Amino acid sequence: MLSVGTPMIAGGDEHLRSLNCNNNAYNLDSIGNWLSYSFTADQTNFATFAERMLAFRNAHPALRPQTWYSAADNNDNGMVQLQWYTPAGAIADAGYWGNGSNHSIAWQIDGTEFGDPASAIYIAFNGWSGDVSFTLPSPGSGTPCATPSSTS
């Protein structure tokens, strides 16, 4: 739901449906291809997550651009349309991309260039089996940062 293009989901994906590794199940008329409407707690929770991700995608036009993102800063706000980051918050370079041991990546989209209500959207993806900590990139000079308010 967070990448450009049409989300590639099939019926039942929103409930963690599995075809048990059968990549040719369209012609089966058996339990291996039927949709079940009796959901486990995990399936119900994932369906709620999927519903919220659809709503998030719908609310952010920067996730549905008419053309592919560019490396340009068309509105001179100091942010390019799309920037890739390492989990450490550094810009991902050829060395990072070329290292097969890297299984995590993050990207930031400049929402202001797409009429998005969010000035920026930061997405972190962990494709590793363990935990990965992500450091947010610097917002850049002249960018106001929200500071926590304190109450007395």
Protein backbone atom coordinates (compact mmCIF):
# COMPACT_ATOMS: atom_id res chain seq x y z
CA MET A 1 0.00 0.00 0.00
CA LEU A 2 3.00 2.29 0.31
CA SER A 3 4.52 1.89 -3.13
CA VAL A 4 3.64 3.62 -6.38
CA GLY A 5 1.25 1.82 -8.67
CA THR A 6 -1.64 -0.50 -8.25
CA PRO A 7 -1.56 -2.55 -5.04
CA MET A 8 -1.14 -6.18 -6.04
CA ILE A 9 -3.43 -8.06 -3.70
CA ALA A 10 -5.77 -10.95 -4.34
CA GLY A 11 -9.00 -11.95 -2.67
CA GLY A 12 -8.30 -13.11 0.85
CA ASP A 13 -4.88 -11.43 1.19
CA GLU A 14 -6.44 -8.96 3.59
CA HIS A 15 -7.17 -11.91 5.92
CA LEU A 16 -3.78 -13.67 5.60
CA ARG A 17 -5.24 -16.29 3.27
CA SER A 18 -2.71 -18.84 2.12
CA LEU A 19 -2.74 -21.05 -0.95
CA ASN A 20 -0.13 -23.25 0.76
CA CYS A 21 2.53 -22.52 -1.87
CA ASN A 22 0.23 -23.34 -4.80
CA ASN A 23 0.88 -20.65 -7.40
CA ASN A 24 -1.71 -22.14 -9.79
CA ALA A 25 -4.74 -22.43 -7.55
CA TYR A 26 -7.18 -20.54 -9.78
CA ASN A 27 -8.44 -23.79 -11.30
CA LEU A 28 -8.96 -25.64 -8.01
CA ASP A 29 -12.40 -26.19 -6.59
CA SER A 30 -11.27 -27.43 -3.23
CA ILE A 31 -10.53 -26.24 0.26
CA GLY A 32 -7.10 -25.19 -1.06
CA ASN A 33 -8.72 -22.28 -2.90
CA TRP A 34 -11.89 -21.51 -0.97
CA LEU A 35 -12.28 -18.36 1.09
CA SER A 36 -13.10 -18.93 4.72
CA TYR A 37 -15.20 -16.47 6.65
CA SER A 38 -14.26 -17.85 10.05
CA PHE A 39 -11.29 -15.73 11.05
CA THR A 40 -8.71 -16.24 13.74
CA ALA A 41 -7.69 -13.33 15.95
CA ASP A 42 -4.55 -12.86 13.83
CA GLN A 43 -6.62 -12.73 10.64
CA THR A 44 -9.04 -10.22 12.14
CA ASN A 45 -6.17 -8.04 13.36
CA PHE A 46 -4.47 -8.17 9.96
CA ALA A 47 -7.75 -7.27 8.22
CA THR A 48 -7.99 -4.20 10.46
CA PHE A 49 -4.38 -3.32 9.59
CA ALA A 50 -5.09 -3.75 5.85
CA GLU A 51 -8.19 -1.56 6.12
CA ARG A 52 -6.21 1.17 7.86
CA MET A 53 -3.41 0.95 5.28
CA LEU A 54 -5.97 1.39 2.49
CA ALA A 55 -7.37 4.45 4.27
CA PHE A 56 -3.85 5.84 4.74
CA ARG A 57 -3.05 5.35 1.06
CA ASN A 58 -6.32 7.00 0.08
CA ALA A 59 -5.62 9.99 2.36
CA HIS A 60 -2.15 10.67 0.89
CA PRO A 61 -1.92 11.63 -2.79
CA ALA A 62 1.90 11.52 -2.53
CA LEU A 63 1.57 7.71 -2.44
CA ARG A 64 -0.35 7.79 -5.73
CA PRO A 65 1.55 10.18 -8.02
CA GLN A 66 0.54 10.55 -11.66
CA THR A 67 4.17 10.09 -12.75
CA TRP A 68 7.17 8.42 -11.12
CA TYR A 69 9.01 10.45 -8.51
CA SER A 70 12.06 12.44 -9.55
CA ALA A 71 15.19 13.52 -7.75
CA ALA A 72 14.19 17.15 -8.26
CA ASP A 73 13.18 19.74 -5.68
CA ASN A 74 10.51 21.44 -7.77
CA ASN A 75 9.20 23.72 -5.01
CA ASP A 76 12.58 24.73 -3.50
CA ASN A 77 11.77 23.48 -0.01
CA GLY A 78 15.09 21.64 0.33
CA MET A 79 13.55 18.19 -0.11
CA VAL A 80 13.64 16.10 -3.30
CA GLN A 81 10.48 14.26 -4.30
CA LEU A 82 11.89 10.89 -3.22
CA GLN A 83 15.00 10.13 -1.18
CA TRP A 84 16.25 6.69 -0.11
CA TYR A 85 17.85 6.19 3.32
CA THR A 86 19.78 3.53 5.20
CA PRO A 87 18.43 2.51 8.61
CA ALA A 88 21.13 4.76 10.12
CA GLY A 89 19.49 7.78 8.47
CA ALA A 90 22.20 8.32 5.83
CA ILE A 91 21.38 8.66 2.16
CA ALA A 92 21.56 5.21 0.53
CA ASP A 93 24.44 5.20 -1.95
CA ALA A 94 25.65 2.64 -4.49
CA GLY A 95 27.66 0.88 -1.78
CA TYR A 96 24.55 0.35 0.32
CA TRP A 97 22.45 -0.77 -2.64
CA GLY A 98 25.15 -3.17 -3.82
CA ASN A 99 25.62 -4.88 -0.45
CA GLY A 100 23.59 -8.11 -0.38
CA SER A 101 23.78 -8.15 3.42
CA ASN A 102 21.49 -5.12 3.66
CA HIS A 103 17.88 -6.11 4.17
CA SER A 104 16.34 -2.83 5.28
CA ILE A 105 15.66 0.45 3.54
CA ALA A 106 13.71 3.63 4.17
CA TRP A 107 12.44 6.34 1.89
CA GLN A 108 11.00 9.79 2.28
CA ILE A 109 8.50 11.41 -0.05
CA ASP A 110 8.04 15.18 -0.23
CA GLY A 111 4.29 15.44 0.20
CA THR A 112 4.21 19.15 -0.61
CA GLU A 113 5.03 18.41 -4.25
CA PHE A 114 1.90 16.26 -4.58
CA GLY A 115 -0.65 18.33 -2.67
CA ASP A 116 -0.48 15.92 0.24
CA PRO A 117 -1.71 16.99 3.69
CA ALA A 118 1.59 15.63 5.09
CA SER A 119 4.67 17.71 4.29
CA ALA A 120 6.72 14.50 4.19
CA ILE A 121 6.07 10.78 4.46
CA TYR A 122 8.83 8.56 5.85
CA ILE A 123 8.53 4.81 5.25
CA ALA A 124 10.85 2.25 6.83
CA PHE A 125 10.97 -1.33 5.56
CA ASN A 126 12.63 -4.16 7.48
CA GLY A 127 13.08 -7.25 5.34
CA TRP A 128 15.27 -8.90 7.96
CA SER A 129 14.24 -11.59 10.44
CA GLY A 130 15.46 -9.54 13.39
CA ASP A 131 14.76 -6.09 14.75
CA VAL A 132 16.22 -3.09 12.93
CA SER A 133 16.34 0.40 14.42
CA PHE A 134 15.75 3.26 11.99
CA THR A 135 17.08 6.77 12.56
CA LEU A 136 15.05 9.57 11.05
CA PRO A 137 17.06 11.70 8.64
CA SER A 138 17.83 15.29 9.46
CA PRO A 139 14.94 17.55 8.45
CA GLY A 140 17.38 19.98 6.85
CA SER A 141 18.26 23.56 7.67
CA GLY A 142 15.44 26.00 8.11
CA THR A 143 12.89 23.26 8.67
CA PRO A 144 10.94 23.72 11.88
CA CYS A 145 10.81 20.65 14.09
CA ALA A 146 7.95 19.89 16.41
CA THR A 147 9.02 19.91 20.01
CA PRO A 148 7.15 18.15 22.78
CA SER A 149 5.03 20.48 24.84
CA SER A 150 5.22 20.31 28.58
CA THR A 151 2.40 20.90 30.97
CA SER A 152 2.72 22.12 34.52
